[in-house]
Amino acid sequence: MSNIHLNILIQLAKIDGVIVQQEIDLINEVGKANGLSNEEIREAYEEAVSLDLDNLTGLTDDEKYDVIYSVVQLMKIDGKLYNEEIKYCAKMASRLGYDENVLFELMLKIYADPDLCADKASLKKHIQKYLIS
């Protein structure tokens, strides 16, 4: 799961053509949280290729939440939203089995109340109602 998760984030970070330090930091944090070494994370940047999105169907509900949460975090981290980022994130939400409204709900929650990010478990309960498969 960790390589898929990291690959999704790297592809999202590359969409606007510029990977900023905050994006790198978040990607590194997710990689380390998933047990990857610095070398494995560095290799992931070089090897990031288009995903076989069918691989996402085998993820647990917890793993799906972790992916969608970090995707939205990464999308907002540079303070700019690009149409390509939103489309990519909507596609990820759908492939993860979420109603596409989950993306907007997460964006609203994370943007409106950054402190809510600290209470990831509470937000997870709220967001899981959007899981349709």
C-alpha atoms as a PDB file:
ATOM      1  CA  MET A   1       0.000   0.000   0.000  1.00  0.00           C
ATOM      2  CA  SER A   2       2.715   2.492   0.891  1.00  0.00           C
ATOM      3  CA  ASN A   3       4.217   2.617  -2.609  1.00  0.00           C
ATOM      4  CA  ILE A   4       0.786   3.186  -4.162  1.00  0.00           C
ATOM      5  CA  HIS A   5       0.041   5.929  -1.640  1.00  0.00           C
ATOM      6  CA  LEU A   6       3.382   7.611  -2.258  1.00  0.00           C
ATOM      7  CA  ASN A   7       3.028   7.318  -6.025  1.00  0.00           C
ATOM      8  CA  ILE A   8      -0.396   8.999  -5.905  1.00  0.00           C
ATOM      9  CA  LEU A   9       1.042  11.912  -3.925  1.00  0.00           C
ATOM     10  CA  ILE A  10       4.066  12.303  -6.184  1.00  0.00           C
ATOM     11  CA  GLN A  11       1.889  12.357  -9.296  1.00  0.00           C
ATOM     12  CA  LEU A  12      -0.345  14.992  -7.705  1.00  0.00           C
ATOM     13  CA  ALA A  13       2.647  17.118  -6.696  1.00  0.00           C
ATOM     14  CA  LYS A  14       3.955  17.023 -10.267  1.00  0.00           C
ATOM     15  CA  ILE A  15       0.657  18.082 -11.882  1.00  0.00           C
ATOM     16  CA  ASP A  16       1.292  21.829 -11.695  1.00  0.00           C
ATOM     17  CA  GLY A  17       4.869  21.416 -12.917  1.00  0.00           C
ATOM     18  CA  VAL A  18       6.487  22.590  -9.681  1.00  0.00           C
ATOM     19  CA  ILE A  19       7.063  20.538  -6.546  1.00  0.00           C
ATOM     20  CA  VAL A  20       7.437  22.927  -3.602  1.00  0.00           C
ATOM     21  CA  GLN A  21       9.257  22.103  -0.371  1.00  0.00           C
ATOM     22  CA  GLN A  22       6.031  21.731   1.617  1.00  0.00           C
ATOM     23  CA  GLU A  23       4.878  19.059  -0.846  1.00  0.00           C
ATOM     24  CA  ILE A  24       8.200  17.246  -0.568  1.00  0.00           C
ATOM     25  CA  ASP A  25       7.990  17.382   3.224  1.00  0.00           C
ATOM     26  CA  LEU A  26       4.478  15.917   3.271  1.00  0.00           C
ATOM     27  CA  ILE A  27       5.397  13.179   0.802  1.00  0.00           C
ATOM     28  CA  ASN A  28       8.462  12.300   2.896  1.00  0.00           C
ATOM     29  CA  GLU A  29       6.323  12.256   6.051  1.00  0.00           C
ATOM     30  CA  VAL A  30       3.812   9.877   4.459  1.00  0.00           C
ATOM     31  CA  GLY A  31       6.609   7.661   3.143  1.00  0.00           C
ATOM     32  CA  LYS A  32       8.258   7.415   6.558  1.00  0.00           C
ATOM     33  CA  ALA A  33       4.892   6.793   8.258  1.00  0.00           C
ATOM     34  CA  ASN A  34       4.475   3.853   5.879  1.00  0.00           C
ATOM     35  CA  GLY A  35       7.870   2.446   6.829  1.00  0.00           C
ATOM     36  CA  LEU A  36       9.860   3.530   3.775  1.00  0.00           C
ATOM     37  CA  SER A  37      13.501   4.541   4.020  1.00  0.00           C
ATOM     38  CA  ASN A  38      14.831   7.827   2.636  1.00  0.00           C
ATOM     39  CA  GLU A  39      16.318   5.871  -0.266  1.00  0.00           C
ATOM     40  CA  GLU A  40      12.998   4.195  -1.074  1.00  0.00           C
ATOM     41  CA  ILE A  41      11.240   7.565  -0.987  1.00  0.00           C
ATOM     42  CA  ARG A  42      13.876   9.101  -3.252  1.00  0.00           C
ATOM     43  CA  GLU A  43      13.495   6.196  -5.681  1.00  0.00           C
ATOM     44  CA  ALA A  44       9.722   6.689  -5.675  1.00  0.00           C
ATOM     45  CA  TYR A  45      10.190  10.183  -7.142  1.00  0.00           C
ATOM     46  CA  GLU A  46      12.218   8.755  -9.998  1.00  0.00           C
ATOM     47  CA  GLU A  47       9.943   5.781 -10.589  1.00  0.00           C
ATOM     48  CA  ALA A  48       6.560   7.500 -10.228  1.00  0.00           C
ATOM     49  CA  VAL A  49       4.581   6.325 -13.199  1.00  0.00           C
ATOM     50  CA  SER A  50       0.926   6.154 -14.069  1.00  0.00           C
ATOM     51  CA  LEU A  51      -0.849   3.869 -11.684  1.00  0.00           C
ATOM     52  CA  ASP A  52      -2.939   0.870 -12.427  1.00  0.00           C
ATOM     53  CA  LEU A  53      -5.876   2.343 -10.564  1.00  0.00           C
ATOM     54  CA  ASP A  54      -7.454  -1.081 -10.173  1.00  0.00           C
ATOM     55  CA  ASN A  55      -4.855  -1.651  -7.427  1.00  0.00           C
ATOM     56  CA  LEU A  56      -6.819   0.763  -5.233  1.00  0.00           C
ATOM     57  CA  THR A  57      -9.804  -1.557  -4.877  1.00  0.00           C
ATOM     58  CA  GLY A  58      -7.999  -3.860  -2.440  1.00  0.00           C
ATOM     59  CA  LEU A  59      -7.287  -1.174   0.133  1.00  0.00           C
ATOM     60  CA  THR A  60      -8.943  -1.262   3.549  1.00  0.00           C
ATOM     61  CA  ASP A  61     -11.292   1.557   4.553  1.00  0.00           C
ATOM     62  CA  ASP A  62      -8.539   2.935   6.819  1.00  0.00           C
ATOM     63  CA  GLU A  63      -6.030   2.908   3.964  1.00  0.00           C
ATOM     64  CA  LYS A  64      -8.527   4.588   1.648  1.00  0.00           C
ATOM     65  CA  TYR A  65      -9.069   7.326   4.205  1.00  0.00           C
ATOM     66  CA  ASP A  66      -5.336   7.846   4.662  1.00  0.00           C
ATOM     67  CA  VAL A  67      -4.913   8.234   0.905  1.00  0.00           C
ATOM     68  CA  ILE A  68      -7.814  10.639   0.379  1.00  0.00           C
ATOM     69  CA  TYR A  69      -6.849  12.688   3.438  1.00  0.00           C
ATOM     70  CA  SER A  70      -3.235  13.098   2.355  1.00  0.00           C
ATOM     71  CA  VAL A  71      -4.259  13.842  -1.249  1.00  0.00           C
ATOM     72  CA  VAL A  72      -6.396  16.763  -0.069  1.00  0.00           C
ATOM     73  CA  GLN A  73      -3.651  17.918   2.317  1.00  0.00           C
ATOM     74  CA  LEU A  74      -1.121  17.899  -0.507  1.00  0.00           C
ATOM     75  CA  MET A  75      -3.474  19.664  -2.888  1.00  0.00           C
ATOM     76  CA  LYS A  76      -3.955  22.545  -0.445  1.00  0.00           C
ATOM     77  CA  ILE A  77      -0.435  22.728   0.968  1.00  0.00           C
ATOM     78  CA  ASP A  78       0.893  25.338  -1.459  1.00  0.00           C
ATOM     79  CA  GLY A  79      -2.199  27.536  -1.069  1.00  0.00           C
ATOM     80  CA  LYS A  80      -3.100  27.237  -4.750  1.00  0.00           C
ATOM     81  CA  LEU A  81      -5.691  25.048  -6.399  1.00  0.00           C
ATOM     82  CA  TYR A  82      -5.338  24.013 -10.008  1.00  0.00           C
ATOM     83  CA  ASN A  83      -8.086  22.448 -12.112  1.00  0.00           C
ATOM     84  CA  GLU A  84      -5.792  19.528 -12.921  1.00  0.00           C
ATOM     85  CA  GLU A  85      -5.229  18.877  -9.215  1.00  0.00           C
ATOM     86  CA  ILE A  86      -8.955  18.909  -8.499  1.00  0.00           C
ATOM     87  CA  LYS A  87      -9.659  16.551 -11.409  1.00  0.00           C
ATOM     88  CA  TYR A  88      -6.892  14.183 -10.290  1.00  0.00           C
ATOM     89  CA  CYS A  89      -8.164  14.187  -6.709  1.00  0.00           C
ATOM     90  CA  ALA A  90     -11.761  13.608  -7.837  1.00  0.00           C
ATOM     91  CA  LYS A  91     -10.581  10.643  -9.901  1.00  0.00           C
ATOM     92  CA  MET A  92      -8.686   9.272  -6.889  1.00  0.00           C
ATOM     93  CA  ALA A  93     -11.732   9.691  -4.643  1.00  0.00           C
ATOM     94  CA  SER A  94     -13.873   7.808  -7.129  1.00  0.00           C
ATOM     95  CA  ARG A  95     -11.310   5.021  -7.587  1.00  0.00           C
ATOM     96  CA  LEU A  96     -11.050   4.683  -3.810  1.00  0.00           C
ATOM     97  CA  GLY A  97     -14.801   4.117  -3.646  1.00  0.00           C
ATOM     98  CA  TYR A  98     -15.868   7.494  -2.317  1.00  0.00           C
ATOM     99  CA  ASP A  99     -18.697   9.651  -3.547  1.00  0.00           C
ATOM    100  CA  GLU A 100     -16.967  12.558  -5.297  1.00  0.00           C
ATOM    101  CA  ASN A 101     -18.526  14.953  -2.780  1.00  0.00           C
ATOM    102  CA  VAL A 102     -16.006  13.667  -0.236  1.00  0.00           C
ATOM    103  CA  LEU A 103     -13.359  15.776  -1.937  1.00  0.00           C
ATOM    104  CA  PHE A 104     -15.287  18.997  -1.428  1.00  0.00           C
ATOM    105  CA  GLU A 105     -16.229  18.062   2.123  1.00  0.00           C
ATOM    106  CA  LEU A 106     -12.592  17.398   3.013  1.00  0.00           C
ATOM    107  CA  MET A 107     -11.443  20.572   1.303  1.00  0.00           C
ATOM    108  CA  LEU A 108     -14.010  22.611   3.227  1.00  0.00           C
ATOM    109  CA  LYS A 109     -13.138  20.989   6.545  1.00  0.00           C
ATOM    110  CA  ILE A 110      -9.381  21.265   6.096  1.00  0.00           C
ATOM    111  CA  TYR A 111      -9.453  24.827   4.735  1.00  0.00           C
ATOM    112  CA  ALA A 112     -12.074  26.136   7.149  1.00  0.00           C
ATOM    113  CA  ASP A 113     -10.668  24.564  10.287  1.00  0.00           C
ATOM    114  CA  PRO A 114      -6.980  23.630  10.120  1.00  0.00           C
ATOM    115  CA  ASP A 115      -7.176  22.513  13.756  1.00  0.00           C
ATOM    116  CA  LEU A 116      -9.563  19.779  12.653  1.00  0.00           C
ATOM    117  CA  CYS A 117      -6.628  18.207  10.826  1.00  0.00           C
ATOM    118  CA  ALA A 118      -5.142  17.436  14.225  1.00  0.00           C
ATOM    119  CA  ASP A 119      -8.261  15.394  15.054  1.00  0.00           C
ATOM    120  CA  LYS A 120      -7.948  13.028  12.133  1.00  0.00           C
ATOM    121  CA  ALA A 121     -10.024  10.319  13.839  1.00  0.00           C
ATOM    122  CA  SER A 122     -13.034  12.595  14.253  1.00  0.00           C
ATOM    123  CA  LEU A 123     -12.785  13.768  10.670  1.00  0.00           C
ATOM    124  CA  LYS A 124     -12.458  10.156   9.514  1.00  0.00           C
ATOM    125  CA  LYS A 125     -15.784   9.250  11.140  1.00  0.00           C
ATOM    126  CA  HIS A 126     -17.437  12.125   9.319  1.00  0.00           C
ATOM    127  CA  ILE A 127     -15.820  11.358   5.958  1.00  0.00           C
ATOM    128  CA  GLN A 128     -16.432   7.602   5.949  1.00  0.00           C
ATOM    129  CA  LYS A 129     -20.140   8.222   5.288  1.00  0.00           C
ATOM    130  CA  TYR A 130     -19.059   9.130   1.737  1.00  0.00           C
ATOM    131  CA  LEU A 131     -17.548   5.674   1.195  1.00  0.00           C
ATOM    132  CA  ILE A 132     -19.877   3.916  -1.240  1.00  0.00           C
ATOM    133  CA  SER A 133     -17.925   0.797  -2.071  1.00  0.00           C
END
